[in-house]
Every structure is written in C-alpha cells, then in structure tokens.
Amino acid sequence: MAAVSAISPNFDLHIERRKRARIQVHWPVRFVRREPAWSLDTTTRDLSSEGFKFAAKAPFVAGETWMCTLRVPAHDPKDSNRMLQVQCNVRIAWVHPEADGTNVVGCHIEHYHFLNSLSIGTVATYRANEL
C-alpha cells in the first residue's frame, strides 16, 4: 500500500511510488557513452535494490538507457580501500531540474554484473528482478 503525505498547505498530495526501501549511500558512479565518447563521474544520493538517484549538471532524458559503473565498498579486512565495480545497464526513470542547473536523476537498474577487481572479466551477471 502506498504511503501518502501532504506536501503543501493547499493539500496537494504526493503518492509514494517507491516499492523498495532506500538507503542513503554516497558511492562513486561513472556514466559512459561511446558515440560520441563521453563520461560523467558523480555520486549516488540513495540506492535501492532496483535503482538509485544522483545529481549532475549534465543533460539526461527520461526513458534513455545508459551504461554506468558503481564503485561499492568491498569491506575487505585486508584492504580497507578496495572497491567492487558493478557495471549496470540503467533506464532513466525521471529527471528533476533544480534552480542551479543541476539535474536530480532517478535510474532504474535493468541489468548488472560484477567486474573482477583484478581484470575486466565478469564474476556474476544478474537481472535486477532476479534477487
């Protein structure tokens, strides 16, 4: 059942669309595009099992698909700085422009796999709905 909360004094209602719990994590993420060659480094604002939110001063359009790589702390007792790389295919779910020109962007993870930290090989591949 969706949570409903009032967001303005004239009783406009906002219906919560999220299906999954979100946690506020600030992990590095790199978006890449091959044609034309382009990349963007940013940081997640929050994350769920189905997607994440970030902010960037770059144009994103709802419905676009992108490839990105999340860097996730490995919590390796032998190397506290080790990060796991998770390559994701994402669909831009929504874009909210802010007054300063920044776009807050919501992504839906459609597919992901872990990259081996020692090479570019794939360790495991999953569709987001398989978990």
Protein backbone atom coordinates (compact mmCIF):
# COMPACT_ATOMS: atom_id res chain seq x y z
CA MET A 1 0.00 0.00 0.00
CA ALA A 2 1.44 3.39 -0.99
CA ALA A 3 2.23 5.95 1.66
CA VAL A 4 0.55 9.33 1.18
CA SER A 5 1.79 12.60 2.63
CA ALA A 6 0.74 16.24 2.28
CA ILE A 7 3.39 18.38 0.58
CA SER A 8 1.78 21.82 0.54
CA PRO A 9 -0.64 23.88 2.60
CA ASN A 10 -3.35 23.63 -0.10
CA PHE A 11 -3.43 19.84 0.43
CA ASP A 12 -1.73 18.72 -2.77
CA LEU A 13 -0.94 15.06 -2.22
CA HIS A 14 2.18 13.16 -3.16
CA ILE A 15 1.81 9.42 -3.64
CA GLU A 16 4.95 7.48 -2.78
CA ARG A 17 5.93 5.36 -5.81
CA ARG A 18 8.87 3.51 -4.31
CA LYS A 19 8.43 -0.23 -4.00
CA ARG A 20 11.74 -0.92 -2.23
CA ALA A 21 13.46 0.50 0.82
CA ARG A 22 16.21 3.02 0.03
CA ILE A 23 19.41 3.70 1.87
CA GLN A 24 21.40 6.89 1.67
CA VAL A 25 24.78 5.89 0.33
CA HIS A 26 27.24 8.11 -1.47
CA TRP A 27 29.09 5.77 -3.82
CA PRO A 28 31.01 6.84 -6.92
CA VAL A 29 29.30 6.14 -10.24
CA ARG A 30 30.60 6.73 -13.78
CA PHE A 31 28.26 7.05 -16.74
CA VAL A 32 29.76 6.34 -20.16
CA ARG A 33 28.64 6.73 -23.74
CA ARG A 34 30.66 5.50 -26.70
CA GLU A 35 29.12 7.57 -29.51
CA PRO A 36 30.17 10.30 -29.08
CA ALA A 37 32.81 9.40 -26.50
CA TRP A 38 31.72 10.93 -23.18
CA SER A 39 31.83 10.13 -19.47
CA LEU A 40 30.48 11.63 -16.27
CA ASP A 41 31.64 10.95 -12.72
CA THR A 42 29.12 11.60 -9.97
CA THR A 43 27.93 10.13 -6.66
CA THR A 44 24.78 8.29 -5.70
CA ARG A 45 22.43 10.01 -3.26
CA ASP A 46 20.49 6.90 -2.37
CA LEU A 47 20.15 3.33 -3.55
CA SER A 48 17.59 0.52 -3.56
CA SER A 49 17.65 -2.98 -4.99
CA GLU A 50 16.05 -1.60 -8.18
CA GLY A 51 17.74 1.75 -8.73
CA PHE A 52 19.47 4.85 -7.46
CA LYS A 53 19.37 8.64 -7.52
CA PHE A 54 22.17 11.07 -8.36
CA ALA A 55 22.72 14.72 -9.27
CA ALA A 56 24.65 16.12 -12.23
CA LYS A 57 24.93 19.25 -14.33
CA ALA A 58 24.57 17.15 -17.48
CA PRO A 59 21.51 16.54 -19.63
CA PHE A 60 19.66 13.27 -19.02
CA VAL A 61 16.29 12.41 -20.55
CA ALA A 62 13.65 10.13 -19.03
CA GLY A 63 13.47 6.88 -20.98
CA GLU A 64 17.12 6.90 -22.10
CA THR A 65 19.27 3.86 -21.38
CA TRP A 66 22.83 4.20 -20.15
CA MET A 67 25.73 2.07 -19.06
CA CYS A 68 27.35 3.01 -15.78
CA THR A 69 29.76 1.56 -13.23
CA LEU A 70 29.07 1.78 -9.50
CA ARG A 71 32.03 1.51 -7.12
CA VAL A 72 30.90 -0.29 -3.98
CA PRO A 73 32.99 -0.68 -0.79
CA ALA A 74 34.21 -4.31 -0.56
CA HIS A 75 34.69 -4.26 3.24
CA ASP A 76 37.83 -6.35 2.68
CA PRO A 77 39.66 -6.82 6.04
CA LYS A 78 42.99 -6.98 4.13
CA ASP A 79 42.37 -3.80 2.11
CA SER A 80 40.02 -1.17 3.56
CA ASN A 81 40.20 0.90 0.34
CA ARG A 82 39.14 -1.93 -2.01
CA MET A 83 36.07 -1.20 -4.11
CA LEU A 84 33.95 -3.64 -6.12
CA GLN A 85 32.89 -2.49 -9.57
CA VAL A 86 29.30 -3.16 -10.58
CA GLN A 87 28.55 -2.48 -14.22
CA CYS A 88 24.89 -1.57 -14.74
CA ASN A 89 22.53 -1.00 -17.62
CA VAL A 90 20.08 1.61 -16.36
CA ARG A 91 16.98 3.35 -17.69
CA ILE A 92 16.48 6.99 -16.70
CA ALA A 93 13.14 6.95 -14.83
CA TRP A 94 12.82 10.67 -14.12
CA VAL A 95 14.74 13.97 -14.21
CA HIS A 96 14.05 16.91 -11.89
CA PRO A 97 15.89 20.14 -12.83
CA GLU A 98 16.96 22.33 -9.91
CA ALA A 99 17.32 26.12 -9.92
CA ASP A 100 21.14 26.00 -10.06
CA GLY A 101 21.15 23.97 -13.31
CA THR A 102 21.72 20.63 -11.61
CA ASN A 103 19.51 17.71 -12.59
CA VAL A 104 18.46 15.21 -9.93
CA VAL A 105 18.05 11.93 -11.79
CA GLY A 106 16.39 8.65 -10.87
CA CYS A 107 17.65 5.44 -12.53
CA HIS A 108 16.08 2.00 -12.74
CA ILE A 109 18.68 -0.80 -12.84
CA GLU A 110 17.67 -3.17 -15.61
CA HIS A 111 20.73 -5.44 -15.60
CA TYR A 112 24.04 -5.56 -13.74
CA HIS A 113 27.15 -7.65 -13.26
CA PHE A 114 30.19 -7.54 -11.03
CA LEU A 115 33.56 -6.87 -12.64
CA ASN A 116 36.53 -8.78 -11.28
CA SER A 117 38.76 -6.39 -9.34
CA LEU A 118 41.91 -7.97 -10.89
CA SER A 119 40.79 -7.97 -14.51
CA ILE A 120 37.93 -6.89 -16.75
CA GLY A 121 36.29 -10.34 -16.58
CA THR A 122 32.76 -10.89 -15.34
CA VAL A 123 32.29 -12.56 -11.97
CA ALA A 124 28.49 -12.83 -11.97
CA THR A 125 25.60 -11.44 -14.01
CA TYR A 126 22.06 -10.73 -12.78
CA ARG A 127 18.88 -9.07 -13.90
CA ALA A 128 17.63 -6.68 -11.22
CA ASN A 129 14.40 -8.65 -10.73
CA GLU A 130 16.24 -11.94 -10.06
CA LEU A 131 17.21 -11.03 -6.49
